[in-house]
Amino acid sequence: MGSDDLTKMRAASNNSLVRHFTMHMAQGRQQASLSNFHMERKMNLFKKISFTLIIALGISGITNAQDQVPVGDNGQVLNEAQIREAVKLDPYLINPGDVLAISVWREDTLQQEVLVRPDGHFSFPLAGDVEASGRTVEEIRETLVEKLSQYIPDIVVTVATTQIGGNKIYVIGQVNKPGEFLVNPRVDVMQALSMAGGATPFADTKDIRILRRRGHVRMSIPFNYKDLERGKRLQQNVILQPGDVVVVP
């Protein structure tokens, strides 16, 4: 084989190497381009997902903030004065079974504890029979001052509640702990259900009833637990009165 032939073979080999190298470089650039394209798509997708999450969280935050605004029974937003009025507790009203401590200043014989009878009255020396049920301690004190002042001038009377034994409610039916509950000073229907351990899985919480008796009048007050779970018809959650019976069917 002559020198010319060797030269041609070397040239052909070199050209083959150059073509191979060039193709390899082209493939590398193509793969890099595809990789960059996929990376860019992933970044764009990530940005879209992140933006969607931010919007969702923002809407959720606005909704939660709105849920925390105090509202009344009919859904209206309460102002500051209405909020103060709503959280103010009414004075406790005496019930049969309560025990009162009555003291007349400088009169040792007129210091005693009295039990409010089932008819709502109690007896006290010189004052006779005094009505107590459904009245505040201050109203009872004023009545005693009026009755006793005709016997004792410049009288000073003190009345305090020592035992609250008459403020009882009852929860019966499909609850975990049915029974009689002594409440101090008062509870609503939701609180009473909590005291009774909550409803059982078989309870019809849409048809709960509050049975109330006032003298010869009997009432059945409906209560739908599902409504209150959804924040609706909040006025159903009434304050229970002594002797009320919550029936969970």
Protein backbone atom coordinates (compact mmCIF):
# COMPACT_ATOMS: atom_id res chain seq x y z
CA MET A 1 0.00 0.00 0.00
CA GLY A 2 1.46 3.33 -1.05
CA SER A 3 1.82 6.54 0.86
CA ASP A 4 -1.12 8.13 -0.97
CA ASP A 5 -3.41 5.36 0.13
CA LEU A 6 -2.35 5.78 3.79
CA THR A 7 -2.95 9.48 3.53
CA LYS A 8 -6.47 8.91 2.17
CA MET A 9 -7.26 6.40 4.91
CA ARG A 10 -6.07 8.81 7.61
CA ALA A 11 -8.15 11.61 6.08
CA ALA A 12 -11.24 9.37 5.93
CA SER A 13 -10.71 8.31 9.54
CA ASN A 14 -10.31 11.90 10.66
CA ASN A 15 -13.48 12.92 8.80
CA SER A 16 -15.38 10.08 10.44
CA LEU A 17 -14.17 11.17 13.87
CA VAL A 18 -15.14 14.77 13.14
CA ARG A 19 -18.67 13.70 11.99
CA HIS A 20 -19.08 11.50 15.07
CA PHE A 21 -17.95 14.29 17.37
CA THR A 22 -20.22 16.76 15.64
CA MET A 23 -23.24 14.43 15.90
CA HIS A 24 -22.45 13.80 19.58
CA MET A 25 -22.29 17.53 20.27
CA ALA A 26 -25.56 18.09 18.41
CA GLN A 27 -27.29 15.35 20.40
CA GLY A 28 -25.93 16.87 23.62
CA ARG A 29 -27.28 20.29 22.68
CA GLN A 30 -30.65 18.76 21.76
CA GLN A 31 -30.87 16.89 25.09
CA ALA A 32 -29.87 20.05 26.96
CA SER A 33 -32.54 21.99 25.10
CA LEU A 34 -35.17 19.37 25.93
CA SER A 35 -34.04 19.33 29.55
CA ASN A 36 -34.31 23.11 29.73
CA PHE A 37 -37.74 22.94 28.11
CA HIS A 38 -39.00 20.39 30.65
CA MET A 39 -37.49 22.37 33.51
CA GLU A 40 -39.19 25.54 32.30
CA ARG A 41 -42.53 23.71 32.06
CA LYS A 42 -42.13 22.41 35.60
CA MET A 43 -41.28 25.89 36.89
CA ASN A 44 -44.33 27.38 35.16
CA LEU A 45 -46.54 24.64 36.59
CA PHE A 46 -45.09 25.22 40.06
CA LYS A 47 -45.77 28.95 39.77
CA LYS A 48 -49.38 28.30 38.75
CA ILE A 49 -49.93 25.89 41.66
CA SER A 50 -48.30 28.29 44.13
CA PHE A 51 -50.45 31.18 42.90
CA THR A 52 -53.60 29.05 43.20
CA LEU A 53 -52.68 28.06 46.77
CA ILE A 54 -52.00 31.66 47.75
CA ILE A 55 -55.38 32.75 46.38
CA ALA A 56 -57.13 29.85 48.15
CA LEU A 57 -55.42 30.60 51.45
CA GLY A 58 -56.27 34.26 51.09
CA ILE A 59 -59.94 33.51 50.48
CA SER A 60 -59.92 31.07 53.42
CA GLY A 61 -58.38 33.73 55.64
CA ILE A 62 -61.00 36.25 54.60
CA THR A 63 -63.77 33.72 55.25
CA ASN A 64 -62.36 32.82 58.67
CA ALA A 65 -62.03 36.49 59.54
CA GLN A 66 -65.67 37.02 58.58
CA ASP A 67 -66.72 34.00 60.67
CA GLN A 68 -65.05 35.57 63.73
CA VAL A 69 -67.15 38.76 63.50
CA PRO A 70 -69.82 38.70 66.28
CA VAL A 71 -73.31 38.42 64.81
CA GLY A 72 -76.76 38.44 66.33
CA ASP A 73 -79.48 35.80 66.12
CA ASN A 74 -80.72 37.16 62.79
CA GLY A 75 -77.22 37.35 61.30
CA GLN A 76 -76.61 41.09 61.66
CA VAL A 77 -73.13 42.25 62.66
CA LEU A 78 -73.09 43.56 66.24
CA ASN A 79 -71.58 46.91 67.13
CA GLU A 80 -69.51 47.53 70.27
CA ALA A 81 -72.47 48.61 72.41
CA GLN A 82 -74.49 45.54 71.38
CA ILE A 83 -71.56 43.23 72.15
CA ARG A 84 -71.23 44.70 75.67
CA GLU A 85 -74.97 44.26 76.21
CA ALA A 86 -74.87 40.67 74.92
CA VAL A 87 -72.12 39.54 77.30
CA LYS A 88 -73.66 41.23 80.35
CA LEU A 89 -75.16 38.66 82.71
CA ASP A 90 -78.68 39.09 84.05
CA PRO A 91 -79.06 38.94 87.85
CA TYR A 92 -79.82 35.50 89.27
CA LEU A 93 -83.47 34.87 90.13
CA ILE A 94 -84.22 32.85 93.25
CA ASN A 95 -85.84 29.42 92.81
CA PRO A 96 -87.57 26.99 95.18
CA GLY A 97 -84.90 24.92 96.92
CA ASP A 98 -82.43 27.81 97.23
CA VAL A 99 -81.12 28.77 100.67
CA LEU A 100 -80.81 32.42 101.71
CA ALA A 101 -78.77 33.88 104.57
CA ILE A 102 -80.58 36.87 106.10
CA SER A 103 -78.94 39.14 108.66
CA VAL A 104 -80.30 42.22 110.42
CA TRP A 105 -77.58 44.51 111.82
CA ARG A 106 -77.37 44.56 115.64
CA GLU A 107 -80.20 42.03 115.91
CA ASP A 108 -78.74 38.62 116.77
CA THR A 109 -82.14 36.96 116.85
CA LEU A 110 -82.78 38.05 113.26
CA GLN A 111 -79.83 36.29 111.69
CA GLN A 112 -80.69 32.97 110.09
CA GLU A 113 -80.73 30.87 106.95
CA VAL A 114 -84.06 30.19 105.27
CA LEU A 115 -85.06 27.61 102.67
CA VAL A 116 -87.25 28.75 99.81
CA ARG A 117 -90.24 26.41 99.84
CA PRO A 118 -91.69 24.66 96.77
CA ASP A 119 -94.37 27.39 96.61
CA GLY A 120 -91.58 29.98 96.17
CA HIS A 121 -91.95 31.62 99.61
CA PHE A 122 -90.08 31.57 102.95
CA SER A 123 -90.91 32.65 106.46
CA PHE A 124 -88.94 35.14 108.57
CA PRO A 125 -89.55 36.50 112.08
CA LEU A 126 -91.61 39.74 112.16
CA ALA A 127 -91.79 39.76 108.35
CA GLY A 128 -94.05 36.73 108.04
CA ASP A 129 -94.38 35.07 104.64
CA VAL A 130 -92.11 36.52 101.96
CA GLU A 131 -92.24 35.76 98.25
CA ALA A 132 -88.83 34.85 96.83
CA SER A 133 -89.19 32.77 93.66
CA GLY A 134 -88.49 34.70 90.46
CA ARG A 135 -87.01 37.65 92.33
CA THR A 136 -83.47 38.92 92.80
CA VAL A 137 -81.68 39.04 96.15
CA GLU A 138 -81.89 42.83 96.12
CA GLU A 139 -85.65 42.77 95.60
CA ILE A 140 -86.05 40.38 98.55
CA ARG A 141 -83.85 42.61 100.72
CA GLU A 142 -85.99 45.65 99.90
CA THR A 143 -89.16 43.72 100.83
CA LEU A 144 -87.66 42.71 104.20
CA VAL A 145 -86.59 46.30 104.92
CA GLU A 146 -90.14 47.46 104.20
CA LYS A 147 -91.71 44.80 106.44
CA LEU A 148 -89.24 45.10 109.34
CA SER A 149 -88.76 48.87 109.42
CA GLN A 150 -92.09 49.29 111.25
CA TYR A 151 -90.53 47.37 114.17
CA ILE A 152 -86.86 48.40 113.93
CA PRO A 153 -85.96 52.00 112.93
CA ASP A 154 -82.97 52.62 110.64
CA ILE A 155 -82.80 48.93 109.90
CA VAL A 156 -79.96 47.43 107.84
CA VAL A 157 -80.72 44.10 106.20
CA THR A 158 -78.32 41.85 104.32
CA VAL A 159 -79.48 38.99 102.07
CA ALA A 160 -77.18 36.51 100.35
CA THR A 161 -77.65 33.23 98.50
CA THR A 162 -75.72 30.44 100.23
CA GLN A 163 -77.01 27.42 98.31
CA ILE A 164 -78.47 27.21 94.83
CA GLY A 165 -80.47 24.02 95.08
CA GLY A 166 -83.44 24.87 92.91
CA ASN A 167 -81.81 25.68 89.60
CA LYS A 168 -82.13 22.18 88.14
CA ILE A 169 -82.64 21.01 84.58
CA TYR A 170 -83.14 17.54 83.13
CA VAL A 171 -81.76 15.90 79.98
CA ILE A 172 -83.28 12.58 78.92
CA GLY A 173 -83.43 10.31 75.87
CA GLN A 174 -80.61 9.51 73.45
CA VAL A 175 -77.72 11.11 75.37
CA ASN A 176 -74.72 9.42 76.95
CA LYS A 177 -75.38 10.67 80.50
CA PRO A 178 -79.09 11.39 81.00
CA GLY A 179 -80.21 12.75 84.34
CA GLU A 180 -80.76 15.74 86.60
CA PHE A 181 -78.26 18.61 86.54
CA LEU A 182 -77.80 21.41 89.05
CA VAL A 183 -76.65 24.46 87.09
CA ASN A 184 -75.02 27.59 88.42
CA PRO A 185 -76.31 30.00 87.46
CA ARG A 186 -77.77 29.11 84.06
CA VAL A 187 -77.02 27.19 80.87
CA ASP A 188 -78.36 27.06 77.32
CA VAL A 189 -79.45 23.97 75.37
CA MET A 190 -76.04 23.30 73.81
CA GLN A 191 -74.35 23.47 77.21
CA ALA A 192 -76.94 21.13 78.71
CA LEU A 193 -76.34 18.58 75.95
CA SER A 194 -72.61 18.81 76.66
CA MET A 195 -73.22 18.21 80.37
CA ALA A 196 -75.19 15.11 79.42
CA GLY A 197 -72.24 13.72 77.47
CA GLY A 198 -73.59 14.60 74.03
CA ALA A 199 -76.03 12.74 71.83
CA THR A 200 -75.68 9.05 70.99
CA PRO A 201 -75.18 7.89 67.37
CA PHE A 202 -78.88 6.91 67.26
CA ALA A 203 -80.22 10.33 68.30
CA ASP A 204 -82.45 12.38 66.02
CA THR A 205 -80.74 15.69 66.70
CA LYS A 206 -83.05 17.53 64.30
CA ASP A 207 -86.09 16.98 66.55
CA ILE A 208 -84.90 17.79 70.09
CA ARG A 209 -87.56 19.27 72.37
CA ILE A 210 -87.43 21.46 75.48
CA LEU A 211 -90.42 20.84 77.74
CA ARG A 212 -91.26 23.80 79.98
CA ARG A 213 -94.01 24.30 82.55
CA ARG A 214 -95.10 27.66 83.92
CA GLY A 215 -97.95 27.28 86.34
CA HIS A 216 -100.71 25.54 84.41
CA VAL A 217 -99.15 26.31 81.04
CA ARG A 218 -97.04 23.65 79.30
CA MET A 219 -94.79 24.35 76.34
CA SER A 220 -92.78 22.27 73.86
CA ILE A 221 -89.92 24.25 72.30
CA PRO A 222 -88.25 22.76 69.18
CA PHE A 223 -84.47 22.62 68.84
CA ASN A 224 -82.51 21.54 65.75
CA TYR A 225 -78.90 20.72 66.64
CA LYS A 226 -77.89 20.42 62.96
CA ASP A 227 -78.86 24.06 62.36
CA LEU A 228 -76.56 25.28 65.09
CA GLU A 229 -73.72 23.11 63.76
CA ARG A 230 -74.00 25.14 60.55
CA GLY A 231 -74.29 28.45 62.42
CA LYS A 232 -77.96 28.87 61.51
CA ARG A 233 -81.02 29.81 63.62
CA LEU A 234 -78.92 30.61 66.67
CA GLN A 235 -82.02 31.89 68.49
CA GLN A 236 -83.00 28.24 69.09
CA ASN A 237 -80.23 27.94 71.69
CA VAL A 238 -82.37 29.38 74.48
CA ILE A 239 -81.37 29.79 78.10
CA LEU A 240 -82.94 26.95 80.07
CA GLN A 241 -85.24 27.71 82.97
CA PRO A 242 -85.33 25.77 86.25
CA GLY A 243 -87.33 22.59 85.74
CA ASP A 244 -86.87 22.47 81.96
CA VAL A 245 -86.59 19.00 80.42
CA VAL A 246 -84.48 18.52 77.28
CA VAL A 247 -85.76 15.48 75.35
CA VAL A 248 -83.44 13.94 72.74
CA PRO A 249 -85.41 11.35 70.69
